[in-house]
Amino acid sequence: MALRLGRKHVELAGKWIPSAAAYGTAGTLTLLYFTDWKVVLQYVPFYGGKFKE
């Protein structure tokens, strides 16, 4: 069976994009919150200089 996407599927996907983006952003921020900030922020320019030892 071939996967066929019609206009209805495109409209439904378009309605879900803002919600998916919001959940993705929240999930990413949650993951960053629970990880070691030093590991993540050492690659941010100007801010990463705080972690040089």
N, C-alpha and C. Protein backbone atom coordinates (compact mmCIF):
# COMPACT_ATOMS: atom_id res chain seq x y z
N MET A 1 0.85 -1.18 0.00
CA MET A 1 0.00 0.00 0.00
C MET A 1 0.90 1.24 0.00
N ALA A 2 0.69 2.09 -0.92
CA ALA A 2 1.50 3.30 -1.04
C ALA A 2 1.00 4.35 -0.04
N LEU A 3 1.94 5.05 0.53
CA LEU A 3 1.60 6.12 1.47
C LEU A 3 1.25 7.36 0.67
N ARG A 4 0.00 7.75 0.75
CA ARG A 4 -0.46 8.91 0.00
C ARG A 4 -0.91 9.99 0.97
N LEU A 5 -0.34 11.16 0.81
CA LEU A 5 -0.70 12.28 1.64
C LEU A 5 -1.56 13.23 0.82
N GLY A 6 -2.73 13.47 1.31
CA GLY A 6 -3.64 14.37 0.61
C GLY A 6 -3.68 15.73 1.28
N ARG A 7 -4.56 16.55 0.77
CA ARG A 7 -4.70 17.91 1.30
C ARG A 7 -5.13 17.88 2.77
N LYS A 8 -5.99 16.93 3.12
CA LYS A 8 -6.45 16.82 4.51
C LYS A 8 -5.28 16.55 5.45
N HIS A 9 -4.36 15.68 5.06
CA HIS A 9 -3.22 15.35 5.90
C HIS A 9 -2.28 16.54 6.06
N VAL A 10 -2.11 17.30 4.98
CA VAL A 10 -1.25 18.48 5.05
C VAL A 10 -1.87 19.53 5.97
N GLU A 11 -3.18 19.71 5.91
CA GLU A 11 -3.87 20.67 6.78
C GLU A 11 -3.75 20.25 8.25
N LEU A 12 -3.92 18.96 8.52
CA LEU A 12 -3.80 18.48 9.89
C LEU A 12 -2.38 18.65 10.41
N ALA A 13 -1.40 18.36 9.58
CA ALA A 13 0.00 18.52 9.99
C ALA A 13 0.30 19.99 10.27
N GLY A 14 -0.26 20.87 9.46
CA GLY A 14 -0.04 22.30 9.67
C GLY A 14 -0.61 22.80 10.98
N LYS A 15 -1.70 22.20 11.41
CA LYS A 15 -2.30 22.60 12.70
C LYS A 15 -1.48 22.09 13.88
N TRP A 16 -0.74 21.00 13.71
CA TRP A 16 0.04 20.42 14.80
C TRP A 16 1.43 21.02 14.92
N ILE A 17 1.90 21.75 13.92
CA ILE A 17 3.27 22.28 13.95
C ILE A 17 3.53 23.17 15.16
N PRO A 18 2.67 24.13 15.50
CA PRO A 18 2.95 24.96 16.69
C PRO A 18 3.03 24.16 17.99
N SER A 19 2.15 23.18 18.14
CA SER A 19 2.18 22.36 19.35
C SER A 19 3.45 21.50 19.40
N ALA A 20 3.82 20.93 18.27
CA ALA A 20 5.02 20.11 18.22
C ALA A 20 6.26 20.96 18.52
N ALA A 21 6.30 22.17 18.01
CA ALA A 21 7.43 23.07 18.27
C ALA A 21 7.49 23.44 19.75
N ALA A 22 6.34 23.70 20.35
CA ALA A 22 6.31 24.06 21.77
C ALA A 22 6.77 22.89 22.64
N TYR A 23 6.29 21.70 22.36
CA TYR A 23 6.70 20.53 23.13
C TYR A 23 8.18 20.22 22.90
N GLY A 24 8.65 20.40 21.68
CA GLY A 24 10.06 20.17 21.40
C GLY A 24 10.95 21.15 22.13
N THR A 25 10.55 22.41 22.16
CA THR A 25 11.32 23.42 22.87
C THR A 25 11.32 23.14 24.37
N ALA A 26 10.17 22.82 24.91
CA ALA A 26 10.08 22.51 26.34
C ALA A 26 10.91 21.27 26.69
N GLY A 27 10.87 20.28 25.84
CA GLY A 27 11.66 19.07 26.09
C GLY A 27 13.15 19.34 26.04
N THR A 28 13.57 20.15 25.08
CA THR A 28 14.99 20.50 24.98
C THR A 28 15.45 21.29 26.19
N LEU A 29 14.66 22.27 26.61
CA LEU A 29 15.02 23.06 27.78
C LEU A 29 15.04 22.21 29.05
N THR A 30 14.12 21.27 29.16
CA THR A 30 14.11 20.37 30.31
C THR A 30 15.35 19.49 30.32
N LEU A 31 15.72 18.99 29.15
CA LEU A 31 16.93 18.17 29.06
C LEU A 31 18.16 18.97 29.44
N LEU A 32 18.25 20.20 28.96
CA LEU A 32 19.39 21.05 29.32
C LEU A 32 19.40 21.38 30.80
N TYR A 33 18.24 21.54 31.39
CA TYR A 33 18.16 21.85 32.82
C TYR A 33 18.72 20.71 33.67
N PHE A 34 18.43 19.49 33.27
CA PHE A 34 18.86 18.34 34.06
C PHE A 34 20.24 17.82 33.69
N THR A 35 20.87 18.38 32.65
CA THR A 35 22.23 17.97 32.31
C THR A 35 23.22 18.89 33.02
N ASP A 36 24.46 18.55 32.93
CA ASP A 36 25.51 19.35 33.53
C ASP A 36 25.71 20.59 32.68
N TRP A 37 25.42 21.77 33.23
CA TRP A 37 25.50 23.02 32.48
C TRP A 37 26.91 23.28 31.98
N LYS A 38 27.91 22.85 32.74
CA LYS A 38 29.28 23.10 32.34
C LYS A 38 29.60 22.40 31.02
N VAL A 39 29.07 21.21 30.84
CA VAL A 39 29.29 20.46 29.61
C VAL A 39 28.64 21.16 28.43
N VAL A 40 27.47 21.71 28.63
CA VAL A 40 26.72 22.35 27.54
C VAL A 40 27.27 23.73 27.24
N LEU A 41 27.51 24.53 28.27
CA LEU A 41 27.84 25.94 28.07
C LEU A 41 29.31 26.20 27.76
N GLN A 42 30.15 25.20 27.81
CA GLN A 42 31.56 25.43 27.48
C GLN A 42 31.75 25.76 26.01
N TYR A 43 30.75 25.45 25.18
CA TYR A 43 30.84 25.73 23.75
C TYR A 43 30.18 27.04 23.35
N VAL A 44 29.58 27.76 24.29
CA VAL A 44 28.94 29.03 24.00
C VAL A 44 30.01 30.13 24.03
N PRO A 45 30.16 30.90 22.95
CA PRO A 45 31.19 31.93 22.93
C PRO A 45 30.97 32.97 24.04
N PHE A 46 32.03 33.50 24.55
CA PHE A 46 32.07 34.52 25.61
C PHE A 46 31.61 33.97 26.96
N TYR A 47 30.58 33.15 26.99
CA TYR A 47 30.10 32.62 28.26
C TYR A 47 30.92 31.41 28.67
N GLY A 48 31.43 30.66 27.69
CA GLY A 48 32.21 29.47 27.97
C GLY A 48 33.55 29.77 28.63
N GLY A 49 34.03 31.03 28.56
CA GLY A 49 35.29 31.40 29.19
C GLY A 49 35.26 31.27 30.70
N LYS A 50 34.09 31.25 31.28
CA LYS A 50 33.97 31.12 32.74
C LYS A 50 34.42 29.75 33.20
N PHE A 51 34.41 28.75 32.31
CA PHE A 51 34.70 27.38 32.71
C PHE A 51 36.12 26.95 32.41
N LYS A 52 36.97 27.87 31.97
CA LYS A 52 38.37 27.51 31.70
C LYS A 52 39.09 27.33 33.05
N GLU A 53 39.79 26.24 33.16
CA GLU A 53 40.49 25.94 34.42
C GLU A 53 41.98 25.90 34.19
